[in-house]
Amino acid sequence: MANVTFKTDLCKGCGLCVSACPKGCLRIDANQINNKGYSPAVMTDQDKCIGCAFCATMCPDCIITVEK
């Protein structure tokens, strides 16, 4: 199982990581606002994550870390 972490205070909520995830493990959290005023991306189901790191590759701000 992979461990995915986000620097949510730096996320601008672009959604590129959400669309890149082949397992649908990510979403934009509309109930949370970070310090920059954006709704950040969050992991919804860590157990489904296969550790492909597509999300981290797509992130233009490099705020996602994937550890296997």
PDB file of N, CA and C in Angstrom:
ATOM      1  N   MET A   1       0.844  -1.177   0.000  1.00  0.00           N
ATOM      2  CA  MET A   1       0.000   0.000   0.000  1.00  0.00           C
ATOM      3  C   MET A   1       0.888   1.240   0.000  1.00  0.00           C
ATOM      4  N   ALA A   2       0.486   2.251  -0.729  1.00  0.00           N
ATOM      5  CA  ALA A   2       1.228   3.499  -0.828  1.00  0.00           C
ATOM      6  C   ALA A   2       0.688   4.520   0.164  1.00  0.00           C
ATOM      7  N   ASN A   3       1.544   5.459   0.540  1.00  0.00           N
ATOM      8  CA  ASN A   3       1.144   6.555   1.409  1.00  0.00           C
ATOM      9  C   ASN A   3       1.258   7.848   0.610  1.00  0.00           C
ATOM     10  N   VAL A   4       0.143   8.534   0.434  1.00  0.00           N
ATOM     11  CA  VAL A   4       0.109   9.770  -0.330  1.00  0.00           C
ATOM     12  C   VAL A   4      -0.158  10.924   0.628  1.00  0.00           C
ATOM     13  N   THR A   5       0.695  11.949   0.562  1.00  0.00           N
ATOM     14  CA  THR A   5       0.513  13.131   1.404  1.00  0.00           C
ATOM     15  C   THR A   5       0.455  14.377   0.531  1.00  0.00           C
ATOM     16  N   PHE A   6      -0.308  15.339   0.992  1.00  0.00           N
ATOM     17  CA  PHE A   6      -0.494  16.604   0.289  1.00  0.00           C
ATOM     18  C   PHE A   6      -0.053  17.754   1.190  1.00  0.00           C
ATOM     19  N   LYS A   7       0.567  18.748   0.611  1.00  0.00           N
ATOM     20  CA  LYS A   7       0.812  20.010   1.312  1.00  0.00           C
ATOM     21  C   LYS A   7      -0.414  20.866   1.009  1.00  0.00           C
ATOM     22  N   THR A   8      -1.482  20.616   1.745  1.00  0.00           N
ATOM     23  CA  THR A   8      -2.772  21.232   1.429  1.00  0.00           C
ATOM     24  C   THR A   8      -2.748  22.749   1.520  1.00  0.00           C
ATOM     25  N   ASP A   9      -1.834  23.305   2.312  1.00  0.00           N
ATOM     26  CA  ASP A   9      -1.772  24.764   2.417  1.00  0.00           C
ATOM     27  C   ASP A   9      -1.230  25.400   1.130  1.00  0.00           C
ATOM     28  N   LEU A  10      -0.613  24.607   0.243  1.00  0.00           N
ATOM     29  CA  LEU A  10      -0.078  25.119  -1.013  1.00  0.00           C
ATOM     30  C   LEU A  10      -0.907  24.722  -2.232  1.00  0.00           C
ATOM     31  N   CYS A  11      -1.905  23.866  -2.039  1.00  0.00           N
ATOM     32  CA  CYS A  11      -2.729  23.373  -3.143  1.00  0.00           C
ATOM     33  C   CYS A  11      -3.658  24.472  -3.652  1.00  0.00           C
ATOM     34  N   LYS A  12      -3.741  24.598  -4.994  1.00  0.00           N
ATOM     35  CA  LYS A  12      -4.646  25.594  -5.572  1.00  0.00           C
ATOM     36  C   LYS A  12      -5.923  24.968  -6.135  1.00  0.00           C
ATOM     37  N   GLY A  13      -6.111  23.681  -5.867  1.00  0.00           N
ATOM     38  CA  GLY A  13      -7.360  23.013  -6.232  1.00  0.00           C
ATOM     39  C   GLY A  13      -7.627  22.925  -7.720  1.00  0.00           C
ATOM     40  N   CYS A  14      -6.590  22.780  -8.524  1.00  0.00           N
ATOM     41  CA  CYS A  14      -6.765  22.743  -9.982  1.00  0.00           C
ATOM     42  C   CYS A  14      -7.466  21.465 -10.450  1.00  0.00           C
ATOM     43  N   GLY A  15      -7.327  20.370  -9.678  1.00  0.00           N
ATOM     44  CA  GLY A  15      -8.000  19.124 -10.008  1.00  0.00           C
ATOM     45  C   GLY A  15      -7.261  18.233 -10.980  1.00  0.00           C
ATOM     46  N   LEU A  16      -6.061  18.599 -11.399  1.00  0.00           N
ATOM     47  CA  LEU A  16      -5.309  17.750 -12.324  1.00  0.00           C
ATOM     48  C   LEU A  16      -4.992  16.393 -11.708  1.00  0.00           C
ATOM     49  N   CYS A  17      -4.677  16.370 -10.427  1.00  0.00           N
ATOM     50  CA  CYS A  17      -4.383  15.106  -9.753  1.00  0.00           C
ATOM     51  C   CYS A  17      -5.625  14.216  -9.683  1.00  0.00           C
ATOM     52  N   VAL A  18      -6.769  14.832  -9.460  1.00  0.00           N
ATOM     53  CA  VAL A  18      -8.025  14.084  -9.372  1.00  0.00           C
ATOM     54  C   VAL A  18      -8.320  13.389 -10.691  1.00  0.00           C
ATOM     55  N   SER A  19      -8.135  14.099 -11.787  1.00  0.00           N
ATOM     56  CA  SER A  19      -8.414  13.503 -13.101  1.00  0.00           C
ATOM     57  C   SER A  19      -7.358  12.479 -13.502  1.00  0.00           C
ATOM     58  N   ALA A  20      -6.150  12.575 -12.945  1.00  0.00           N
ATOM     59  CA  ALA A  20      -5.072  11.644 -13.299  1.00  0.00           C
ATOM     60  C   ALA A  20      -5.139  10.326 -12.539  1.00  0.00           C
ATOM     61  N   CYS A  21      -5.834  10.277 -11.426  1.00  0.00           N
ATOM     62  CA  CYS A  21      -5.871   9.080 -10.588  1.00  0.00           C
ATOM     63  C   CYS A  21      -6.686   7.964 -11.250  1.00  0.00           C
ATOM     64  N   PRO A  22      -6.048   6.830 -11.575  1.00  0.00           N
ATOM     65  CA  PRO A  22      -6.777   5.750 -12.240  1.00  0.00           C
ATOM     66  C   PRO A  22      -7.756   5.011 -11.324  1.00  0.00           C
ATOM     67  N   LYS A  23      -7.589   5.142 -10.027  1.00  0.00           N
ATOM     68  CA  LYS A  23      -8.465   4.451  -9.080  1.00  0.00           C
ATOM     69  C   LYS A  23      -9.522   5.358  -8.459  1.00  0.00           C
ATOM     70  N   GLY A  24      -9.515   6.642  -8.783  1.00  0.00           N
ATOM     71  CA  GLY A  24     -10.513   7.573  -8.253  1.00  0.00           C
ATOM     72  C   GLY A  24     -10.392   7.803  -6.762  1.00  0.00           C
ATOM     73  N   CYS A  25      -9.178   7.824  -6.263  1.00  0.00           N
ATOM     74  CA  CYS A  25      -8.926   7.960  -4.827  1.00  0.00           C
ATOM     75  C   CYS A  25      -8.895   9.406  -4.335  1.00  0.00           C
ATOM     76  N   LEU A  26      -8.894  10.362  -5.250  1.00  0.00           N
ATOM     77  CA  LEU A  26      -8.735  11.765  -4.872  1.00  0.00           C
ATOM     78  C   LEU A  26      -9.977  12.568  -5.203  1.00  0.00           C
ATOM     79  N   ARG A  27     -10.145  13.672  -4.478  1.00  0.00           N
ATOM     80  CA  ARG A  27     -11.226  14.605  -4.791  1.00  0.00           C
ATOM     81  C   ARG A  27     -10.835  15.982  -4.273  1.00  0.00           C
ATOM     82  N   ILE A  28     -11.532  16.984  -4.755  1.00  0.00           N
ATOM     83  CA  ILE A  28     -11.355  18.341  -4.238  1.00  0.00           C
ATOM     84  C   ILE A  28     -12.306  18.487  -3.052  1.00  0.00           C
ATOM     85  N   ASP A  29     -11.775  18.880  -1.910  1.00  0.00           N
ATOM     86  CA  ASP A  29     -12.567  18.994  -0.683  1.00  0.00           C
ATOM     87  C   ASP A  29     -13.244  20.357  -0.616  1.00  0.00           C
ATOM     88  N   ALA A  30     -14.494  20.405  -1.042  1.00  0.00           N
ATOM     89  CA  ALA A  30     -15.249  21.656  -1.069  1.00  0.00           C
ATOM     90  C   ALA A  30     -15.562  22.188   0.332  1.00  0.00           C
ATOM     91  N   ASN A  31     -15.395  21.356   1.361  1.00  0.00           N
ATOM     92  CA  ASN A  31     -15.688  21.773   2.728  1.00  0.00           C
ATOM     93  C   ASN A  31     -14.487  22.392   3.431  1.00  0.00           C
ATOM     94  N   GLN A  32     -13.349  22.454   2.756  1.00  0.00           N
ATOM     95  CA  GLN A  32     -12.126  22.964   3.364  1.00  0.00           C
ATOM     96  C   GLN A  32     -11.550  24.075   2.493  1.00  0.00           C
ATOM     97  N   ILE A  33     -11.056  25.119   3.116  1.00  0.00           N
ATOM     98  CA  ILE A  33     -10.391  26.215   2.424  1.00  0.00           C
ATOM     99  C   ILE A  33      -9.004  26.370   3.029  1.00  0.00           C
ATOM    100  N   ASN A  34      -7.965  26.407   2.172  1.00  0.00           N
ATOM    101  CA  ASN A  34      -6.603  26.548   2.693  1.00  0.00           C
ATOM    102  C   ASN A  34      -6.240  28.024   2.866  1.00  0.00           C
ATOM    103  N   ASN A  35      -4.989  28.296   3.247  1.00  0.00           N
ATOM    104  CA  ASN A  35      -4.539  29.664   3.514  1.00  0.00           C
ATOM    105  C   ASN A  35      -4.567  30.557   2.280  1.00  0.00           C
ATOM    106  N   LYS A  36      -4.511  29.963   1.103  1.00  0.00           N
ATOM    107  CA  LYS A  36      -4.547  30.726  -0.144  1.00  0.00           C
ATOM    108  C   LYS A  36      -5.970  30.970  -0.643  1.00  0.00           C
ATOM    109  N   GLY A  37      -6.958  30.385   0.035  1.00  0.00           N
ATOM    110  CA  GLY A  37      -8.350  30.575  -0.339  1.00  0.00           C
ATOM    111  C   GLY A  37      -8.899  29.553  -1.310  1.00  0.00           C
ATOM    112  N   TYR A  38      -8.186  28.448  -1.491  1.00  0.00           N
ATOM    113  CA  TYR A  38      -8.609  27.399  -2.414  1.00  0.00           C
ATOM    114  C   TYR A  38      -9.094  26.165  -1.663  1.00  0.00           C
ATOM    115  N   SER A  39      -9.934  25.374  -2.331  1.00  0.00           N
ATOM    116  CA  SER A  39     -10.325  24.073  -1.811  1.00  0.00           C
ATOM    117  C   SER A  39      -9.277  23.068  -2.270  1.00  0.00           C
ATOM    118  N   PRO A  40      -8.548  22.447  -1.344  1.00  0.00           N
ATOM    119  CA  PRO A  40      -7.446  21.556  -1.724  1.00  0.00           C
ATOM    120  C   PRO A  40      -7.908  20.148  -2.093  1.00  0.00           C
ATOM    121  N   ALA A  41      -7.034  19.440  -2.781  1.00  0.00           N
ATOM    122  CA  ALA A  41      -7.263  18.034  -3.101  1.00  0.00           C
ATOM    123  C   ALA A  41      -6.959  17.188  -1.868  1.00  0.00           C
ATOM    124  N   VAL A  42      -7.714  16.120  -1.689  1.00  0.00           N
ATOM    125  CA  VAL A  42      -7.506  15.207  -0.561  1.00  0.00           C
ATOM    126  C   VAL A  42      -7.660  13.767  -1.023  1.00  0.00           C
ATOM    127  N   MET A  43      -7.056  12.872  -0.268  1.00  0.00           N
ATOM    128  CA  MET A  43      -7.181  11.432  -0.511  1.00  0.00           C
ATOM    129  C   MET A  43      -8.487  10.962   0.116  1.00  0.00           C
ATOM    130  N   THR A  44      -9.274  10.225  -0.642  1.00  0.00           N
ATOM    131  CA  THR A  44     -10.548   9.736  -0.113  1.00  0.00           C
ATOM    132  C   THR A  44     -10.478   8.293   0.356  1.00  0.00           C
ATOM    133  N   ASP A  45      -9.626   7.488  -0.299  1.00  0.00           N
ATOM    134  CA  ASP A  45      -9.523   6.080   0.065  1.00  0.00           C
ATOM    135  C   ASP A  45      -8.089   5.594  -0.124  1.00  0.00           C
ATOM    136  N   GLN A  46      -7.291   5.710   0.914  1.00  0.00           N
ATOM    137  CA  GLN A  46      -5.873   5.337   0.871  1.00  0.00           C
ATOM    138  C   GLN A  46      -5.686   3.865   0.520  1.00  0.00           C
ATOM    139  N   ASP A  47      -6.612   3.013   0.903  1.00  0.00           N
ATOM    140  CA  ASP A  47      -6.496   1.574   0.644  1.00  0.00           C
ATOM    141  C   ASP A  47      -6.591   1.228  -0.841  1.00  0.00           C
ATOM    142  N   LYS A  48      -7.295   2.040  -1.621  1.00  0.00           N
ATOM    143  CA  LYS A  48      -7.425   1.793  -3.055  1.00  0.00           C
ATOM    144  C   LYS A  48      -6.219   2.278  -3.850  1.00  0.00           C
ATOM    145  N   CYS A  49      -5.396   3.120  -3.257  1.00  0.00           N
ATOM    146  CA  CYS A  49      -4.251   3.715  -3.951  1.00  0.00           C
ATOM    147  C   CYS A  49      -3.227   2.633  -4.312  1.00  0.00           C
ATOM    148  N   ILE A  50      -2.777   2.652  -5.569  1.00  0.00           N
ATOM    149  CA  ILE A  50      -1.796   1.658  -6.041  1.00  0.00           C
ATOM    150  C   ILE A  50      -0.379   2.233  -6.098  1.00  0.00           C
ATOM    151  N   GLY A  51      -0.213   3.483  -5.733  1.00  0.00           N
ATOM    152  CA  GLY A  51       1.108   4.101  -5.681  1.00  0.00           C
ATOM    153  C   GLY A  51       1.701   4.413  -7.039  1.00  0.00           C
ATOM    154  N   CYS A  52       0.885   4.652  -8.038  1.00  0.00           N
ATOM    155  CA  CYS A  52       1.376   4.917  -9.393  1.00  0.00           C
ATOM    156  C   CYS A  52       2.046   6.276  -9.532  1.00  0.00           C
ATOM    157  N   ALA A  53       1.723   7.197  -8.641  1.00  0.00           N
ATOM    158  CA  ALA A  53       2.269   8.559  -8.602  1.00  0.00           C
ATOM    159  C   ALA A  53       1.847   9.412  -9.798  1.00  0.00           C
ATOM    160  N   PHE A  54       0.800   9.039 -10.497  1.00  0.00           N
ATOM    161  CA  PHE A  54       0.282   9.886 -11.572  1.00  0.00           C
ATOM    162  C   PHE A  54      -0.150  11.241 -11.006  1.00  0.00           C
ATOM    163  N   CYS A  55      -0.719  11.228  -9.816  1.00  0.00           N
ATOM    164  CA  CYS A  55      -1.176  12.469  -9.194  1.00  0.00           C
ATOM    165  C   CYS A  55      -0.006  13.420  -8.953  1.00  0.00           C
ATOM    166  N   ALA A  56       1.077  12.890  -8.416  1.00  0.00           N
ATOM    167  CA  ALA A  56       2.257  13.717  -8.130  1.00  0.00           C
ATOM    168  C   ALA A  56       2.902  14.219  -9.416  1.00  0.00           C
ATOM    169  N   THR A  57       2.877  13.402 -10.454  1.00  0.00           N
ATOM    170  CA  THR A  57       3.449  13.793 -11.735  1.00  0.00           C
ATOM    171  C   THR A  57       2.650  14.925 -12.371  1.00  0.00           C
ATOM    172  N   MET A  58       1.334  14.888 -12.231  1.00  0.00           N
ATOM    173  CA  MET A  58       0.474  15.901 -12.838  1.00  0.00           C
ATOM    174  C   MET A  58       0.429  17.212 -12.065  1.00  0.00           C
ATOM    175  N   CYS A  59       0.774  17.193 -10.786  1.00  0.00           N
ATOM    176  CA  CYS A  59       0.654  18.381  -9.943  1.00  0.00           C
ATOM    177  C   CYS A  59       1.630  19.475 -10.385  1.00  0.00           C
ATOM    178  N   PRO A  60       1.120  20.632 -10.830  1.00  0.00           N
ATOM    179  CA  PRO A  60       2.017  21.690 -11.286  1.00  0.00           C
ATOM    180  C   PRO A  60       2.777  22.376 -10.148  1.00  0.00           C
ATOM    181  N   ASP A  61       2.330  22.186  -8.918  1.00  0.00           N
ATOM    182  CA  ASP A  61       2.964  22.843  -7.785  1.00  0.00           C
ATOM    183  C   ASP A  61       3.799  21.884  -6.921  1.00  0.00           C
ATOM    184  N   CYS A  62       3.873  20.627  -7.329  1.00  0.00           N
ATOM    185  CA  CYS A  62       4.693  19.603  -6.630  1.00  0.00           C
ATOM    186  C   CYS A  62       4.363  19.517  -5.145  1.00  0.00           C
ATOM    187  N   ILE A  63       3.096  19.446  -4.814  1.00  0.00           N
ATOM    188  CA  ILE A  63       2.685  19.394  -3.408  1.00  0.00           C
ATOM    189  C   ILE A  63       2.318  17.987  -2.961  1.00  0.00           C
ATOM    190  N   ILE A  64       2.433  17.002  -3.863  1.00  0.00           N
ATOM    191  CA  ILE A  64       2.032  15.628  -3.551  1.00  0.00           C
ATOM    192  C   ILE A  64       3.263  14.748  -3.433  1.00  0.00           C
ATOM    193  N   THR A  65       3.289  13.955  -2.371  1.00  0.00           N
ATOM    194  CA  THR A  65       4.375  12.991  -2.145  1.00  0.00           C
ATOM    195  C   THR A  65       3.766  11.603  -2.087  1.00  0.00           C
ATOM    196  N   VAL A  66       4.332  10.676  -2.852  1.00  0.00           N
ATOM    197  CA  VAL A  66       3.870   9.290  -2.869  1.00  0.00           C
ATOM    198  C   VAL A  66       5.014   8.403  -2.370  1.00  0.00           C
ATOM    199  N   GLU A  67       4.738   7.653  -1.307  1.00  0.00           N
ATOM    200  CA  GLU A  67       5.724   6.734  -0.744  1.00  0.00           C
ATOM    201  C   GLU A  67       5.162   5.329  -0.800  1.00  0.00           C
ATOM    202  N   LYS A  68       5.990   4.386  -1.239  1.00  0.00           N
ATOM    203  CA  LYS A  68       5.546   2.992  -1.298  1.00  0.00           C
ATOM    204  C   LYS A  68       6.069   2.236  -0.114  1.00  0.00           C
TER     205      LYS A  68
END
